[in-house]
Amino acid sequence: MNFELSLLDKDGFLLHSIEINEDEYSFSRYTSYGETYFVRRNKVLVERKAEYLPHDTLTVCCKMWKIQEGIRRDGQGYARIRIGIETV
């Protein structure tokens, strides 16, 4: 599975993007990829917070595809996730 992760601004314009091919990484249980593979946390949360987090909202676009099988059907899906932050 190849995929592209993109961070978008409030108007849907690209701020940062990375394309990852299945021969480089694969999704598996208990595995995650962090800032060294995508974007520095400080850049998002501090340096360019107004661009990346307008109204405290991070907009992420994920495109996934399998090259071997070709495109059987084209479509879009949407997901909305709300994450609450608790300060202790």
PDB file of N, CA and C in Angstrom:
ATOM      1  N   MET A   1       0.850  -1.162   0.000  1.00  0.00           N
ATOM      2  CA  MET A   1       0.000   0.000   0.000  1.00  0.00           C
ATOM      3  C   MET A   1       0.900   1.230   0.000  1.00  0.00           C
ATOM      4  N   ASN A   2       0.785   2.051  -1.000  1.00  0.00           N
ATOM      5  CA  ASN A   2       1.498   3.323  -1.040  1.00  0.00           C
ATOM      6  C   ASN A   2       0.577   4.394  -0.480  1.00  0.00           C
ATOM      7  N   PHE A   3       1.170   5.401   0.132  1.00  0.00           N
ATOM      8  CA  PHE A   3       0.317   6.469   0.642  1.00  0.00           C
ATOM      9  C   PHE A   3       1.042   7.801   0.647  1.00  0.00           C
ATOM     10  N   GLU A   4       0.240   8.851   0.684  1.00  0.00           N
ATOM     11  CA  GLU A   4       0.745  10.214   0.768  1.00  0.00           C
ATOM     12  C   GLU A   4       0.019  10.893   1.918  1.00  0.00           C
ATOM     13  N   LEU A   5       0.780  11.478   2.832  1.00  0.00           N
ATOM     14  CA  LEU A   5       0.217  12.252   3.932  1.00  0.00           C
ATOM     15  C   LEU A   5       0.514  13.718   3.688  1.00  0.00           C
ATOM     16  N   SER A   6      -0.504  14.541   3.827  1.00  0.00           N
ATOM     17  CA  SER A   6      -0.341  15.976   3.613  1.00  0.00           C
ATOM     18  C   SER A   6      -0.983  16.741   4.756  1.00  0.00           C
ATOM     19  N   LEU A   7      -0.360  17.837   5.140  1.00  0.00           N
ATOM     20  CA  LEU A   7      -0.946  18.769   6.093  1.00  0.00           C
ATOM     21  C   LEU A   7      -1.401  19.980   5.303  1.00  0.00           C
ATOM     22  N   LEU A   8      -2.643  20.404   5.553  1.00  0.00           N
ATOM     23  CA  LEU A   8      -3.242  21.488   4.785  1.00  0.00           C
ATOM     24  C   LEU A   8      -3.538  22.687   5.669  1.00  0.00           C
ATOM     25  N   ASP A   9      -3.553  23.873   5.053  1.00  0.00           N
ATOM     26  CA  ASP A   9      -3.923  25.071   5.803  1.00  0.00           C
ATOM     27  C   ASP A   9      -5.446  25.196   5.838  1.00  0.00           C
ATOM     28  N   LYS A  10      -5.951  26.278   6.424  1.00  0.00           N
ATOM     29  CA  LYS A  10      -7.398  26.438   6.592  1.00  0.00           C
ATOM     30  C   LYS A  10      -8.157  26.512   5.282  1.00  0.00           C
ATOM     31  N   ASP A  11      -7.468  26.857   4.193  1.00  0.00           N
ATOM     32  CA  ASP A  11      -8.115  26.944   2.884  1.00  0.00           C
ATOM     33  C   ASP A  11      -7.894  25.695   2.036  1.00  0.00           C
ATOM     34  N   GLY A  12      -7.248  24.681   2.594  1.00  0.00           N
ATOM     35  CA  GLY A  12      -7.016  23.441   1.878  1.00  0.00           C
ATOM     36  C   GLY A  12      -5.751  23.425   1.043  1.00  0.00           C
ATOM     37  N   PHE A  13      -4.907  24.440   1.207  1.00  0.00           N
ATOM     38  CA  PHE A  13      -3.650  24.481   0.455  1.00  0.00           C
ATOM     39  C   PHE A  13      -2.564  23.692   1.194  1.00  0.00           C
ATOM     40  N   LEU A  14      -1.698  23.084   0.434  1.00  0.00           N
ATOM     41  CA  LEU A  14      -0.650  22.216   0.954  1.00  0.00           C
ATOM     42  C   LEU A  14       0.394  22.988   1.758  1.00  0.00           C
ATOM     43  N   LEU A  15       0.658  22.512   2.980  1.00  0.00           N
ATOM     44  CA  LEU A  15       1.735  23.059   3.807  1.00  0.00           C
ATOM     45  C   LEU A  15       2.935  22.122   3.815  1.00  0.00           C
ATOM     46  N   HIS A  16       2.657  20.832   3.885  1.00  0.00           N
ATOM     47  CA  HIS A  16       3.727  19.835   3.963  1.00  0.00           C
ATOM     48  C   HIS A  16       3.177  18.501   3.481  1.00  0.00           C
ATOM     49  N   SER A  17       4.008  17.743   2.771  1.00  0.00           N
ATOM     50  CA  SER A  17       3.542  16.465   2.245  1.00  0.00           C
ATOM     51  C   SER A  17       4.702  15.480   2.151  1.00  0.00           C
ATOM     52  N   ILE A  18       4.380  14.202   2.275  1.00  0.00           N
ATOM     53  CA  ILE A  18       5.370  13.148   2.093  1.00  0.00           C
ATOM     54  C   ILE A  18       4.674  11.951   1.447  1.00  0.00           C
ATOM     55  N   GLU A  19       5.345  11.350   0.472  1.00  0.00           N
ATOM     56  CA  GLU A  19       4.824  10.146  -0.170  1.00  0.00           C
ATOM     57  C   GLU A  19       5.687   8.969   0.268  1.00  0.00           C
ATOM     58  N   ILE A  20       5.035   7.903   0.664  1.00  0.00           N
ATOM     59  CA  ILE A  20       5.748   6.732   1.159  1.00  0.00           C
ATOM     60  C   ILE A  20       5.310   5.510   0.363  1.00  0.00           C
ATOM     61  N   ASN A  21       6.291   4.800  -0.179  1.00  0.00           N
ATOM     62  CA  ASN A  21       6.016   3.602  -0.967  1.00  0.00           C
ATOM     63  C   ASN A  21       6.069   2.372  -0.084  1.00  0.00           C
ATOM     64  N   GLU A  22       5.314   1.352  -0.455  1.00  0.00           N
ATOM     65  CA  GLU A  22       5.208   0.161   0.389  1.00  0.00           C
ATOM     66  C   GLU A  22       6.529  -0.564   0.599  1.00  0.00           C
ATOM     67  N   ASP A  23       7.487  -0.385  -0.298  1.00  0.00           N
ATOM     68  CA  ASP A  23       8.773  -1.048  -0.093  1.00  0.00           C
ATOM     69  C   ASP A  23       9.621  -0.336   0.962  1.00  0.00           C
ATOM     70  N   GLU A  24       9.249   0.901   1.337  1.00  0.00           N
ATOM     71  CA  GLU A  24       9.975   1.636   2.379  1.00  0.00           C
ATOM     72  C   GLU A  24       9.427   1.321   3.768  1.00  0.00           C
ATOM     73  N   TYR A  25       8.118   1.385   3.912  1.00  0.00           N
ATOM     74  CA  TYR A  25       7.458   1.184   5.201  1.00  0.00           C
ATOM     75  C   TYR A  25       6.175   0.416   4.962  1.00  0.00           C
ATOM     76  N   SER A  26       5.682  -0.203   5.997  1.00  0.00           N
ATOM     77  CA  SER A  26       4.376  -0.842   5.903  1.00  0.00           C
ATOM     78  C   SER A  26       3.652  -0.643   7.223  1.00  0.00           C
ATOM     79  N   PHE A  27       2.335  -0.602   7.144  1.00  0.00           N
ATOM     80  CA  PHE A  27       1.534  -0.498   8.351  1.00  0.00           C
ATOM     81  C   PHE A  27       1.519  -1.851   9.032  1.00  0.00           C
ATOM     82  N   SER A  28       1.827  -1.867  10.291  1.00  0.00           N
ATOM     83  CA  SER A  28       1.720  -3.104  11.047  1.00  0.00           C
ATOM     84  C   SER A  28       1.361  -2.761  12.485  1.00  0.00           C
ATOM     85  N   ARG A  29       0.842  -3.737  13.165  1.00  0.00           N
ATOM     86  CA  ARG A  29       0.395  -3.529  14.535  1.00  0.00           C
ATOM     87  C   ARG A  29       1.555  -3.068  15.421  1.00  0.00           C
ATOM     88  N   TYR A  30       1.276  -2.121  16.287  1.00  0.00           N
ATOM     89  CA  TYR A  30       2.237  -1.588  17.253  1.00  0.00           C
ATOM     90  C   TYR A  30       3.416  -0.863  16.608  1.00  0.00           C
ATOM     91  N   THR A  31       3.246  -0.377  15.396  1.00  0.00           N
ATOM     92  CA  THR A  31       4.295   0.368  14.718  1.00  0.00           C
ATOM     93  C   THR A  31       3.776   1.759  14.397  1.00  0.00           C
ATOM     94  N   SER A  32       4.614   2.749  14.576  1.00  0.00           N
ATOM     95  CA  SER A  32       4.209   4.113  14.235  1.00  0.00           C
ATOM     96  C   SER A  32       5.404   4.863  13.666  1.00  0.00           C
ATOM     97  N   TYR A  33       5.110   5.940  12.968  1.00  0.00           N
ATOM     98  CA  TYR A  33       6.139   6.779  12.384  1.00  0.00           C
ATOM     99  C   TYR A  33       5.929   8.186  12.903  1.00  0.00           C
ATOM    100  N   GLY A  34       7.000   8.811  13.352  1.00  0.00           N
ATOM    101  CA  GLY A  34       6.878  10.114  13.979  1.00  0.00           C
ATOM    102  C   GLY A  34       7.505  11.229  13.186  1.00  0.00           C
ATOM    103  N   GLU A  35       7.895  12.264  13.909  1.00  0.00           N
ATOM    104  CA  GLU A  35       8.325  13.506  13.298  1.00  0.00           C
ATOM    105  C   GLU A  35       9.538  13.379  12.388  1.00  0.00           C
ATOM    106  N   THR A  36      10.452  12.473  12.646  1.00  0.00           N
ATOM    107  CA  THR A  36      11.628  12.375  11.781  1.00  0.00           C
ATOM    108  C   THR A  36      11.262  11.920  10.382  1.00  0.00           C
ATOM    109  N   TYR A  37      10.155  11.246  10.235  1.00  0.00           N
ATOM    110  CA  TYR A  37       9.735  10.781   8.920  1.00  0.00           C
ATOM    111  C   TYR A  37       8.790  11.763   8.233  1.00  0.00           C
ATOM    112  N   PHE A  38       8.198  12.681   8.984  1.00  0.00           N
ATOM    113  CA  PHE A  38       7.170  13.528   8.391  1.00  0.00           C
ATOM    114  C   PHE A  38       7.444  15.017   8.582  1.00  0.00           C
ATOM    115  N   VAL A  39       7.180  15.533   9.754  1.00  0.00           N
ATOM    116  CA  VAL A  39       7.392  16.958  10.021  1.00  0.00           C
ATOM    117  C   VAL A  39       7.757  17.132  11.495  1.00  0.00           C
ATOM    118  N   ARG A  40       8.603  18.103  11.767  1.00  0.00           N
ATOM    119  CA  ARG A  40       9.010  18.349  13.152  1.00  0.00           C
ATOM    120  C   ARG A  40       7.834  18.882  13.970  1.00  0.00           C
ATOM    121  N   ARG A  41       7.638  18.317  15.126  1.00  0.00           N
ATOM    122  CA  ARG A  41       6.554  18.723  16.022  1.00  0.00           C
ATOM    123  C   ARG A  41       6.654  20.207  16.372  1.00  0.00           C
ATOM    124  N   ASN A  42       7.872  20.705  16.612  1.00  0.00           N
ATOM    125  CA  ASN A  42       8.071  22.104  16.964  1.00  0.00           C
ATOM    126  C   ASN A  42       7.614  23.036  15.834  1.00  0.00           C
ATOM    127  N   LYS A  43       7.797  22.599  14.604  1.00  0.00           N
ATOM    128  CA  LYS A  43       7.367  23.399  13.457  1.00  0.00           C
ATOM    129  C   LYS A  43       5.850  23.575  13.469  1.00  0.00           C
ATOM    130  N   VAL A  44       5.133  22.506  13.777  1.00  0.00           N
ATOM    131  CA  VAL A  44       3.668  22.541  13.783  1.00  0.00           C
ATOM    132  C   VAL A  44       3.126  23.257  15.013  1.00  0.00           C
ATOM    133  N   LEU A  45       3.670  22.943  16.188  1.00  0.00           N
ATOM    134  CA  LEU A  45       3.113  23.453  17.439  1.00  0.00           C
ATOM    135  C   LEU A  45       3.629  24.820  17.866  1.00  0.00           C
ATOM    136  N   VAL A  46       4.788  25.245  17.330  1.00  0.00           N
ATOM    137  CA  VAL A  46       5.370  26.511  17.779  1.00  0.00           C
ATOM    138  C   VAL A  46       5.684  27.448  16.619  1.00  0.00           C
ATOM    139  N   GLU A  47       6.621  27.040  15.767  1.00  0.00           N
ATOM    140  CA  GLU A  47       7.141  27.936  14.732  1.00  0.00           C
ATOM    141  C   GLU A  47       6.072  28.442  13.761  1.00  0.00           C
ATOM    142  N   ARG A  48       5.202  27.549  13.303  1.00  0.00           N
ATOM    143  CA  ARG A  48       4.187  27.938  12.311  1.00  0.00           C
ATOM    144  C   ARG A  48       2.786  27.521  12.763  1.00  0.00           C
ATOM    145  N   LYS A  49       2.541  27.661  14.049  1.00  0.00           N
ATOM    146  CA  LYS A  49       1.280  27.222  14.644  1.00  0.00           C
ATOM    147  C   LYS A  49       0.070  27.871  13.987  1.00  0.00           C
ATOM    148  N   ALA A  50       0.132  29.152  13.680  1.00  0.00           N
ATOM    149  CA  ALA A  50      -1.011  29.850  13.078  1.00  0.00           C
ATOM    150  C   ALA A  50      -1.402  29.239  11.734  1.00  0.00           C
ATOM    151  N   GLU A  51      -0.417  28.762  10.980  1.00  0.00           N
ATOM    152  CA  GLU A  51      -0.691  28.150   9.675  1.00  0.00           C
ATOM    153  C   GLU A  51      -1.184  26.712   9.819  1.00  0.00           C
ATOM    154  N   TYR A  52      -0.506  25.939  10.664  1.00  0.00           N
ATOM    155  CA  TYR A  52      -0.825  24.520  10.800  1.00  0.00           C
ATOM    156  C   TYR A  52      -2.051  24.254  11.671  1.00  0.00           C
ATOM    157  N   LEU A  53      -2.306  25.115  12.652  1.00  0.00           N
ATOM    158  CA  LEU A  53      -3.388  24.866  13.607  1.00  0.00           C
ATOM    159  C   LEU A  53      -4.362  26.036  13.725  1.00  0.00           C
ATOM    160  N   PRO A  54      -4.980  26.459  12.614  1.00  0.00           N
ATOM    161  CA  PRO A  54      -5.961  27.540  12.739  1.00  0.00           C
ATOM    162  C   PRO A  54      -7.147  27.054  13.576  1.00  0.00           C
ATOM    163  N   HIS A  55      -7.570  27.845  14.530  1.00  0.00           N
ATOM    164  CA  HIS A  55      -8.670  27.476  15.436  1.00  0.00           C
ATOM    165  C   HIS A  55      -8.400  26.129  16.118  1.00  0.00           C
ATOM    166  N   ASP A  56      -7.117  25.856  16.395  1.00  0.00           N
ATOM    167  CA  ASP A  56      -6.697  24.607  17.045  1.00  0.00           C
ATOM    168  C   ASP A  56      -7.145  23.364  16.278  1.00  0.00           C
ATOM    169  N   THR A  57      -7.152  23.460  14.951  1.00  0.00           N
ATOM    170  CA  THR A  57      -7.572  22.349  14.095  1.00  0.00           C
ATOM    171  C   THR A  57      -6.451  21.974  13.137  1.00  0.00           C
ATOM    172  N   LEU A  58      -6.054  20.711  13.151  1.00  0.00           N
ATOM    173  CA  LEU A  58      -5.044  20.194  12.234  1.00  0.00           C
ATOM    174  C   LEU A  58      -5.764  19.444  11.117  1.00  0.00           C
ATOM    175  N   THR A  59      -5.521  19.841   9.865  1.00  0.00           N
ATOM    176  CA  THR A  59      -6.169  19.191   8.727  1.00  0.00           C
ATOM    177  C   THR A  59      -5.157  18.308   8.010  1.00  0.00           C
ATOM    178  N   VAL A  60      -5.465  17.012   7.953  1.00  0.00           N
ATOM    179  CA  VAL A  60      -4.582  16.015   7.356  1.00  0.00           C
ATOM    180  C   VAL A  60      -5.305  15.335   6.203  1.00  0.00           C
ATOM    181  N   CYS A  61      -4.600  15.176   5.093  1.00  0.00           N
ATOM    182  CA  CYS A  61      -5.133  14.453   3.943  1.00  0.00           C
ATOM    183  C   CYS A  61      -4.281  13.203   3.755  1.00  0.00           C
ATOM    184  N   CYS A  62      -4.913  12.062   3.614  1.00  0.00           N
ATOM    185  CA  CYS A  62      -4.203  10.801   3.394  1.00  0.00           C
ATOM    186  C   CYS A  62      -4.737  10.155   2.121  1.00  0.00           C
ATOM    187  N   LYS A  63      -3.854   9.948   1.158  1.00  0.00           N
ATOM    188  CA  LYS A  63      -4.216   9.255  -0.080  1.00  0.00           C
ATOM    189  C   LYS A  63      -3.505   7.912  -0.067  1.00  0.00           C
ATOM    190  N   MET A  64      -4.233   6.835  -0.381  1.00  0.00           N
ATOM    191  CA  MET A  64      -3.644   5.493  -0.382  1.00  0.00           C
ATOM    192  C   MET A  64      -3.985   4.786  -1.686  1.00  0.00           C
ATOM    193  N   TRP A  65      -3.031   3.987  -2.171  1.00  0.00           N
ATOM    194  CA  TRP A  65      -3.275   3.245  -3.406  1.00  0.00           C
ATOM    195  C   TRP A  65      -2.354   2.035  -3.485  1.00  0.00           C
ATOM    196  N   LYS A  66      -2.777   1.064  -4.271  1.00  0.00           N
ATOM    197  CA  LYS A  66      -1.960  -0.119  -4.570  1.00  0.00           C
ATOM    198  C   LYS A  66      -1.656  -0.091  -6.050  1.00  0.00           C
ATOM    199  N   ILE A  67      -0.390  -0.023  -6.395  1.00  0.00           N
ATOM    200  CA  ILE A  67       0.006   0.083  -7.797  1.00  0.00           C
ATOM    201  C   ILE A  67      -0.236  -1.218  -8.554  1.00  0.00           C
ATOM    202  N   GLN A  68       0.038  -2.355  -7.943  1.00  0.00           N
ATOM    203  CA  GLN A  68      -0.060  -3.630  -8.647  1.00  0.00           C
ATOM    204  C   GLN A  68      -1.466  -3.905  -9.173  1.00  0.00           C
ATOM    205  N   GLU A  69      -2.472  -3.523  -8.435  1.00  0.00           N
ATOM    206  CA  GLU A  69      -3.839  -3.850  -8.805  1.00  0.00           C
ATOM    207  C   GLU A  69      -4.474  -2.829  -9.734  1.00  0.00           C
ATOM    208  N   GLY A  70      -3.915  -1.656  -9.829  1.00  0.00           N
ATOM    209  CA  GLY A  70      -4.545  -0.613 -10.624  1.00  0.00           C
ATOM    210  C   GLY A  70      -5.767  -0.067  -9.893  1.00  0.00           C
ATOM    211  N   ILE A  71      -6.387   0.918 -10.473  1.00  0.00           N
ATOM    212  CA  ILE A  71      -7.547   1.545  -9.844  1.00  0.00           C
ATOM    213  C   ILE A  71      -8.809   0.830 -10.316  1.00  0.00           C
ATOM    214  N   ARG A  72      -9.496   0.204  -9.395  1.00  0.00           N
ATOM    215  CA  ARG A  72     -10.750  -0.475  -9.732  1.00  0.00           C
ATOM    216  C   ARG A  72     -11.920   0.486  -9.674  1.00  0.00           C
ATOM    217  N   ARG A  73     -11.874   1.362  -8.711  1.00  0.00           N
ATOM    218  CA  ARG A  73     -12.902   2.394  -8.610  1.00  0.00           C
ATOM    219  C   ARG A  73     -12.284   3.601  -7.932  1.00  0.00           C
ATOM    220  N   ASP A  74     -12.715   4.733  -8.330  1.00  0.00           N
ATOM    221  CA  ASP A  74     -12.201   5.979  -7.791  1.00  0.00           C
ATOM    222  C   ASP A  74     -13.264   6.566  -6.880  1.00  0.00           C
ATOM    223  N   GLY A  75     -12.849   7.100  -5.761  1.00  0.00           N
ATOM    224  CA  GLY A  75     -13.818   7.692  -4.852  1.00  0.00           C
ATOM    225  C   GLY A  75     -13.121   8.421  -3.731  1.00  0.00           C
ATOM    226  N   GLN A  76     -13.908   9.101  -2.953  1.00  0.00           N
ATOM    227  CA  GLN A  76     -13.376   9.825  -1.810  1.00  0.00           C
ATOM    228  C   GLN A  76     -14.137   9.414  -0.565  1.00  0.00           C
ATOM    229  N   GLY A  77     -13.432   9.388   0.528  1.00  0.00           N
ATOM    230  CA  GLY A  77     -14.049   9.132   1.814  1.00  0.00           C
ATOM    231  C   GLY A  77     -13.595  10.207   2.784  1.00  0.00           C
ATOM    232  N   TYR A  78     -14.398  10.479   3.754  1.00  0.00           N
ATOM    233  CA  TYR A  78     -14.061  11.516   4.721  1.00  0.00           C
ATOM    234  C   TYR A  78     -14.172  10.950   6.129  1.00  0.00           C
ATOM    235  N   ALA A  79     -13.288  11.396   6.978  1.00  0.00           N
ATOM    236  CA  ALA A  79     -13.335  11.001   8.381  1.00  0.00           C
ATOM    237  C   ALA A  79     -13.093  12.244   9.218  1.00  0.00           C
ATOM    238  N   ARG A  80     -13.786  12.326  10.302  1.00  0.00           N
ATOM    239  CA  ARG A  80     -13.574  13.440  11.217  1.00  0.00           C
ATOM    240  C   ARG A  80     -13.269  12.850  12.584  1.00  0.00           C
ATOM    241  N   ILE A  81     -12.161  13.270  13.128  1.00  0.00           N
ATOM    242  CA  ILE A  81     -11.733  12.766  14.425  1.00  0.00           C
ATOM    243  C   ILE A  81     -11.560  13.953  15.360  1.00  0.00           C
ATOM    244  N   ARG A  82     -12.116  13.833  16.535  1.00  0.00           N
ATOM    245  CA  ARG A  82     -11.936  14.870  17.544  1.00  0.00           C
ATOM    246  C   ARG A  82     -11.131  14.268  18.681  1.00  0.00           C
ATOM    247  N   ILE A  83     -10.063  14.940  19.008  1.00  0.00           N
ATOM    248  CA  ILE A  83      -9.192  14.479  20.083  1.00  0.00           C
ATOM    249  C   ILE A  83      -9.177  15.549  21.162  1.00  0.00           C
ATOM    250  N   GLY A  84      -9.536  15.164  22.342  1.00  0.00           N
ATOM    251  CA  GLY A  84      -9.510  16.104  23.453  1.00  0.00           C
ATOM    252  C   GLY A  84      -8.173  16.040  24.170  1.00  0.00           C
ATOM    253  N   ILE A  85      -7.738  17.168  24.683  1.00  0.00           N
ATOM    254  CA  ILE A  85      -6.477  17.231  25.416  1.00  0.00           C
ATOM    255  C   ILE A  85      -6.785  17.586  26.864  1.00  0.00           C
ATOM    256  N   GLU A  86      -6.301  16.762  27.757  1.00  0.00           N
ATOM    257  CA  GLU A  86      -6.503  17.005  29.174  1.00  0.00           C
ATOM    258  C   GLU A  86      -5.193  17.478  29.787  1.00  0.00           C
ATOM    259  N   THR A  87      -5.218  18.638  30.400  1.00  0.00           N
ATOM    260  CA  THR A  87      -4.031  19.174  31.057  1.00  0.00           C
ATOM    261  C   THR A  87      -4.078  18.785  32.529  1.00  0.00           C
ATOM    262  N   VAL A  88      -3.015  18.152  32.988  1.00  0.00           N
ATOM    263  CA  VAL A  88      -2.976  17.685  34.379  1.00  0.00           C
ATOM    264  C   VAL A  88      -2.116  18.614  35.192  1.00  0.00           C
TER     265      VAL A  88
END
